[in-house]
Structures are given as structure tokens and as C-alpha cells.
Protein backbone atom coordinates (compact mmCIF):
# COMPACT_ATOMS: atom_id res chain seq x y z
CA MET A 1 93.15 105.82 55.55
CA THR A 2 92.67 105.59 51.58
CA VAL A 3 90.85 109.02 51.78
CA PHE A 4 93.40 110.65 53.46
CA PHE A 5 95.95 109.61 50.71
CA VAL A 6 93.96 110.49 48.13
CA LEU A 7 93.57 114.03 49.49
CA PHE A 8 97.12 114.35 51.19
CA PHE A 9 98.62 113.72 47.54
CA VAL A 10 95.99 113.66 44.42
CA VAL A 11 94.25 117.13 45.37
CA PRO A 12 98.04 119.63 45.89
CA MET A 13 98.14 117.51 41.47
CA VAL A 14 94.28 118.74 40.81
CA TRP A 15 95.16 122.27 42.46
CA LEU A 16 98.23 122.32 39.85
CA LEU A 17 97.11 121.32 36.48
CA ILE A 18 94.04 123.74 37.44
CA ALA A 19 96.40 126.28 38.70
CA SER A 20 98.07 126.40 35.04
CA GLY A 21 95.19 127.19 32.78
CA LYS A 22 94.49 130.41 34.91
CA SER A 23 95.05 134.06 35.34
CA PRO A 24 96.81 135.81 37.75
CA TYR A 25 93.62 137.35 39.63
CA ASP A 26 91.60 134.23 38.57
CA LEU A 27 93.95 132.60 41.34
CA ILE A 28 93.20 134.31 43.41
CA THR A 29 89.13 135.46 42.55
CA THR A 30 87.59 131.69 41.45
CA GLY A 31 87.05 128.82 43.75
CA PRO A 32 90.75 126.69 44.23
CA PHE A 33 89.34 124.12 41.56
CA ALA A 34 86.71 126.02 39.00
CA PRO A 35 88.87 125.41 35.36
CA GLY A 36 90.88 127.87 34.05
CA THR A 37 90.72 129.00 29.99
CA LEU A 38 92.91 127.70 27.26
CA GLY A 39 93.60 131.57 26.61
CA ASP A 40 95.27 132.20 30.09
CA LEU A 41 97.51 128.94 29.65
CA ALA A 42 98.79 129.72 26.61
CA ALA A 43 99.54 133.17 28.16
CA ASN A 44 101.13 131.29 30.78
CA TRP A 45 103.60 129.34 28.34
CA ASN A 46 104.40 133.04 26.63
CA ALA A 47 105.22 134.38 29.73
CA LEU A 48 107.19 131.28 31.98
CA VAL A 49 108.87 130.61 27.77
CA HIS A 50 110.09 134.68 27.98
CA PHE A 51 111.12 134.56 31.87
CA GLN A 52 114.79 135.03 31.39
CA ASP A 53 114.98 134.72 27.35
CA GLY A 54 114.20 130.91 28.51
CA ILE A 55 116.05 130.14 30.62
CA ILE A 56 114.52 127.00 31.65
CA PHE A 57 115.04 125.48 29.12
CA ARG A 58 118.36 125.73 29.60
CA TRP A 59 117.74 124.02 33.21
CA LEU A 60 115.87 121.49 31.66
CA GLY A 61 118.84 120.49 29.44
CA ASN A 62 121.32 121.32 32.29
CA SER A 63 118.68 118.47 34.62
CA ALA A 64 119.37 115.94 31.83
CA TYR A 65 122.75 116.62 31.30
CA TYR A 66 123.62 116.00 34.57
CA SER A 67 120.85 112.95 35.39
CA LEU A 68 122.06 111.22 32.02
CA SER A 69 125.74 111.62 32.16
CA ALA A 70 125.47 110.11 36.57
CA LEU A 71 123.25 107.51 35.02
CA VAL A 72 125.77 106.61 32.73
CA ILE A 73 128.14 106.17 35.30
CA THR A 74 126.33 105.00 37.75
CA LEU A 75 125.30 102.06 35.69
CA VAL A 76 129.17 101.00 34.76
CA THR A 77 129.88 101.14 38.91
CA THR A 78 126.62 99.49 40.16
CA ILE A 79 125.98 96.42 38.15
CA PRO A 80 129.41 94.43 38.30
CA ALA A 81 129.56 95.99 42.32
CA GLY A 82 126.64 93.93 42.90
CA TYR A 83 127.27 91.08 40.73
CA ALA A 84 131.01 90.30 42.86
CA LEU A 85 128.82 91.61 46.08
CA ALA A 86 126.77 88.49 45.06
CA LEU A 87 128.34 85.47 43.52
CA GLY A 88 131.95 86.59 44.01
CA ASP A 89 134.26 85.73 46.71
CA PHE A 90 137.38 87.84 47.89
CA ARG A 91 138.34 89.53 51.78
CA GLY A 92 136.91 92.30 52.58
CA ARG A 93 133.33 91.26 51.14
CA LYS A 94 131.49 91.37 54.12
CA VAL A 95 132.60 94.29 55.03
CA LEU A 96 132.20 96.18 51.52
CA LEU A 97 128.41 94.92 51.47
CA THR A 98 127.74 95.84 55.63
CA THR A 99 129.40 99.44 54.56
CA THR A 100 127.25 99.55 51.75
CA LEU A 101 124.07 99.80 53.91
CA VAL A 102 125.28 101.74 56.28
CA VAL A 103 125.99 104.52 53.50
CA MET A 104 122.58 103.58 52.64
CA LEU A 105 121.21 104.42 56.55
CA ILE A 106 122.92 108.17 55.57
CA PRO A 107 120.62 110.65 55.12
CA ASN A 108 122.02 112.59 51.75
CA THR A 109 121.83 116.20 53.69
CA ALA A 110 124.33 115.31 55.84
CA LEU A 111 126.91 114.41 53.01
CA VAL A 112 126.46 117.74 51.96
CA LEU A 113 128.87 119.12 54.00
CA PRO A 114 131.30 116.58 52.89
CA VAL A 115 130.86 116.69 49.30
CA PHE A 116 130.74 120.37 48.72
CA LEU A 117 134.47 120.13 50.48
CA GLU A 118 135.64 117.52 48.62
CA LEU A 119 134.49 119.70 46.05
CA SER A 120 136.43 123.09 46.58
CA ALA A 121 139.35 121.31 47.09
CA VAL A 122 139.56 119.68 43.66
CA SER A 123 138.65 123.37 42.31
CA LEU A 124 134.90 121.86 40.36
CA ILE A 125 132.28 124.38 42.15
CA GLY A 126 130.77 125.57 39.28
CA THR A 127 131.28 123.17 36.76
CA PRO A 128 128.65 119.84 35.71
CA LEU A 129 131.38 117.74 37.38
CA ALA A 130 129.77 118.78 40.67
CA ALA A 131 126.69 118.21 40.22
CA ILE A 132 127.65 114.45 37.95
CA LEU A 133 130.21 113.32 40.46
CA PRO A 134 128.26 113.10 43.41
CA PHE A 135 124.80 111.92 42.02
CA SER A 136 126.69 109.01 40.31
CA PHE A 137 127.34 107.45 43.76
CA PHE A 138 124.28 105.18 44.85
CA PRO A 139 124.69 102.64 46.96
CA PHE A 140 120.68 102.13 47.29
CA GLY A 141 121.48 100.46 43.31
CA VAL A 142 124.55 98.55 44.48
CA TYR A 143 122.33 97.08 47.13
CA LEU A 144 119.65 96.25 44.82
CA THR A 145 121.59 94.50 42.06
CA TYR A 146 123.86 92.94 45.37
CA ILE A 147 119.86 91.23 45.99
CA TYR A 148 118.98 90.72 42.27
CA PHE A 149 122.21 88.54 41.85
CA SER A 150 122.36 86.55 45.04
CA THR A 151 118.15 85.36 44.26
CA SER A 152 116.85 85.41 40.93
CA VAL A 153 120.49 84.97 39.22
CA PRO A 154 121.32 81.29 39.93
CA ARG A 155 124.85 79.43 40.09
CA ASP A 156 124.83 76.80 38.40
CA LEU A 157 124.52 78.86 35.37
CA LEU A 158 126.92 80.25 36.09
CA ASP A 159 128.87 77.29 36.20
CA ALA A 160 127.48 75.75 33.27
CA ALA A 161 128.63 78.13 31.59
CA ARG A 162 132.98 78.36 33.67
CA ILE A 163 132.77 74.60 32.58
CA ASP A 164 132.33 75.47 28.88
CA GLY A 165 135.35 77.80 28.99
CA CYS A 166 133.97 81.51 30.18
CA GLY A 167 136.08 83.47 32.10
CA GLU A 168 134.71 85.63 35.06
CA VAL A 169 134.41 88.67 32.75
CA ALA A 170 132.76 86.49 29.79
CA VAL A 171 130.35 84.76 32.67
CA PHE A 172 129.36 88.57 33.22
CA ARG A 173 129.24 90.06 29.92
CA ARG A 174 127.68 87.30 28.19
CA ILE A 175 125.19 85.03 31.00
CA ALA A 176 124.83 87.29 34.26
CA MET A 177 123.91 90.55 32.65
CA PRO A 178 120.79 89.82 29.67
CA LEU A 179 119.98 87.92 32.93
CA ALA A 180 119.97 91.05 34.45
CA LEU A 181 118.12 93.47 32.45
CA PRO A 182 114.54 93.60 34.59
CA VAL A 183 117.24 95.17 37.44
CA ILE A 184 119.30 97.06 35.51
CA ALA A 185 116.01 98.81 33.71
CA LEU A 186 115.32 99.13 38.23
CA VAL A 187 118.44 100.78 38.57
CA GLY A 188 118.69 103.44 36.26
CA PHE A 189 115.12 104.61 36.81
CA PHE A 190 116.08 105.01 40.70
CA SER A 191 119.28 106.25 39.73
CA PHE A 192 117.26 108.89 36.99
CA VAL A 193 114.56 109.97 39.38
CA ALA A 194 116.98 110.94 42.15
CA ASN A 195 119.60 112.10 39.88
CA TRP A 196 116.37 114.50 38.65
CA ASN A 197 114.88 114.64 41.92
CA ASN A 198 117.73 116.61 43.77
CA PHE A 199 117.67 119.84 44.88
CA PHE A 200 119.75 120.53 47.92
CA LEU A 201 123.25 119.67 46.61
CA PRO A 202 122.88 121.44 43.36
CA PHE A 203 121.92 123.98 44.73
CA LEU A 204 125.07 124.73 46.46
CA THR A 205 127.63 123.72 43.69
CA VAL A 206 126.21 125.47 40.62
CA PRO A 207 124.29 127.82 41.18
CA GLY A 208 123.11 130.80 38.51
CA PRO A 209 122.61 129.57 34.26
CA ALA A 210 124.33 125.95 35.51
CA ALA A 211 121.75 124.49 37.86
CA PRO A 212 119.45 122.32 36.50
CA ILE A 213 115.18 122.62 37.20
CA GLN A 214 115.18 122.17 40.30
CA VAL A 215 117.22 124.55 41.61
CA GLY A 216 116.12 127.04 38.62
CA LEU A 217 112.15 126.23 40.03
CA THR A 218 113.66 128.41 43.28
CA GLU A 219 114.37 131.46 41.47
CA MET A 220 111.56 131.35 40.13
CA LEU A 221 110.12 131.63 43.37
CA SER A 222 112.00 134.14 43.96
CA ASN A 223 110.31 136.03 41.33
CA VAL A 224 107.05 135.97 42.58
CA PRO A 225 106.36 139.02 44.06
CA ALA A 226 103.70 137.17 46.76
CA PHE A 227 106.03 135.49 47.82
CA ASN A 228 108.76 138.34 47.91
CA PRO A 229 107.46 141.52 47.81
CA THR A 230 111.06 143.26 46.99
CA SER A 231 110.86 141.82 43.59
CA VAL A 232 108.50 144.10 42.43
CA GLY A 233 109.79 146.24 39.77
CA VAL A 234 112.41 143.51 38.70
CA THR A 235 111.55 140.90 36.18
CA THR A 236 108.50 139.13 38.17
CA ILE A 237 106.55 135.79 37.26
CA GLU A 238 102.88 135.30 38.58
CA LEU A 239 101.88 131.92 41.14
CA PRO A 240 100.00 130.13 37.21
CA THR A 241 103.68 130.65 35.85
CA LEU A 242 104.64 128.70 38.58
CA ALA A 243 102.52 126.46 38.61
CA LEU A 244 103.22 125.68 35.27
CA ALA A 245 106.77 126.15 35.28
CA THR A 246 106.70 122.78 37.95
CA LEU A 247 104.53 121.13 36.41
CA VAL A 248 107.33 121.03 33.06
CA SER A 249 109.74 120.13 35.77
CA VAL A 250 107.63 116.28 36.47
CA THR A 251 106.66 115.47 32.87
CA PRO A 252 110.30 113.73 31.77
CA VAL A 253 109.86 111.50 34.75
CA LEU A 254 106.33 111.06 34.07
CA VAL A 255 106.89 110.88 31.16
CA ILE A 256 109.21 107.74 31.76
CA PHE A 257 107.58 106.22 34.52
CA LEU A 258 104.00 105.85 31.99
CA PHE A 259 106.45 103.71 28.93
CA SER A 260 108.84 101.82 31.75
CA GLN A 261 106.26 100.89 34.24
CA ARG A 262 106.08 97.49 33.08
CA PHE A 263 109.25 96.83 33.06
CA LEU A 264 110.32 98.09 36.43
CA VAL A 265 107.18 95.15 37.67
CA ALA A 266 110.02 93.20 36.17
CA GLY A 267 112.93 94.30 37.47
CA LEU A 268 110.95 93.00 40.70
CA THR A 269 109.68 89.57 40.20
CA ALA A 270 112.20 88.38 37.20
CA GLY A 271 114.07 85.49 37.19
CA GLY A 272 116.99 83.97 35.29
CA THR A 273 114.89 79.86 35.69
CA LYS A 274 111.63 78.38 36.69
CA GLU A 275 111.68 76.40 39.93
């Protein structure tokens, strides 16, 4: 089983790394895992930078802007919502929790059409809000926060703060929030990765120069003669350059994961007190 997963996931990534350092001719004529050269890698980078006047950097900037803006909104709404569902006592609480669970089960692609129609009705198509607002909808984060507050933050600790004179807002801000830093980091990471890798919705709502990097890769793919013969004669891009662009698109998420994995593990295991 381990060998199967290595072949299925690791081998394509290794090929992608090697392909970005080859010339178009070497990519076809040499073995799939024959190493490339630094000269070809530099040539591919130069071609990528000059493709449509460096539009890949604009796509990367769009992705960062959309993902980070949505992340802020997600955290501001998700953490209080999870806290209220876990530790609050109000009418409709069970209905809201059930609704959250049901929405989590709905495929994102099933929501694309109604979301697109809503954005079109308020004339937001083609604007940054057409990506930011849908990205901010993250029911999984609400449920993850709900589970954390339900199991890892003791009610006695919150009750002690209330006895000391803290109001509900102060209890949440001074007691619950510091204890919830691990799960906040976890929700933030999952939200950012989901936003960065989202393709279908921004493909419809923010086309053209306002597109994020994942949509931009599709435009680059349409300019590869091997996939689109009609692109010959216009601005084209070769397969090794496309492979390099793919690596560039996943680098921010990879870097964030490598530097935050310790905190992500803590988010799954940390608690408010030790029994």
C-alpha cells in the first residue's frame, strides 16, 4: 500500500521538478527522470517571467490578496461562531449546528451556480469581492472550532472568569481566545490553502487579469501548442515553462506548511488544562 501511494503521489511531483529544468527538446527525447540543467532552468524562468509581461506575478498577487482578505473575514466570523455553538445556550443552537454539518457535506461545485447568480445580481462579477466573499464562507472552520471549544476548553475556567466579574465578551476575548490560538492557526491554515487552490468559482467570477494563479495556469495551458494547436503563431509557452509555473504556484502553500506544521499538530492536540 505504501508503495502504491509513493508511486501515485510522489512520482508525478518528482517528474514535475525534473521537467522544469529541461528544454522542450530534452523533455521529449530524454528519459522522464533524466536530470535537466541549470541553464535550461534559467531559460524556462526567463520565459515564464516574460510571458505576457510577467502576468504570473499579478496572478500570484491576486491569489495572495483574495486568500488573505478572505482569511481575515473567516477568522473574525468562524471563531466566535464556533465558540457560541460549543459553549452558548440559545434558541436555535442545534438547528444552526445541524445546518453547518449539512452544508459541509455539500460539494463546493454544487454551490457555484447559485453563488454566481447571487454575485451577478449585485454586479460583483469581475471584482475582488467576487472571490473574497465566497472564499470567506468556511463551515468546516466553524465545526472545527466548535469541536475544539467543546472538548479542550473547560467550562469551569470560563465560569471562574464570570464569577470574577468578566462579561461574556471579556470571557471570550481574555480567556477563550488565548486558549484557542492552536485551533485558530489550524483554521487559518486550512482556509488559506482552500482559498489558494480554489479554481472553479474564481474561473467564473474573476476572469482575465483579475484571475488568481490557479485560473492563470489554465490560461497558460491554453497557450501550450502541445495542448492547443491553434495557439501556434501567437504568444506560446512550452511544457517545461508550464511545469515551472506549476511549481511556483504551490510554493507559497508549501513554505507555509513547512514553517507551521508544528503549530498545526499543536492545534489538534492542545487543551486548556491537564487532567
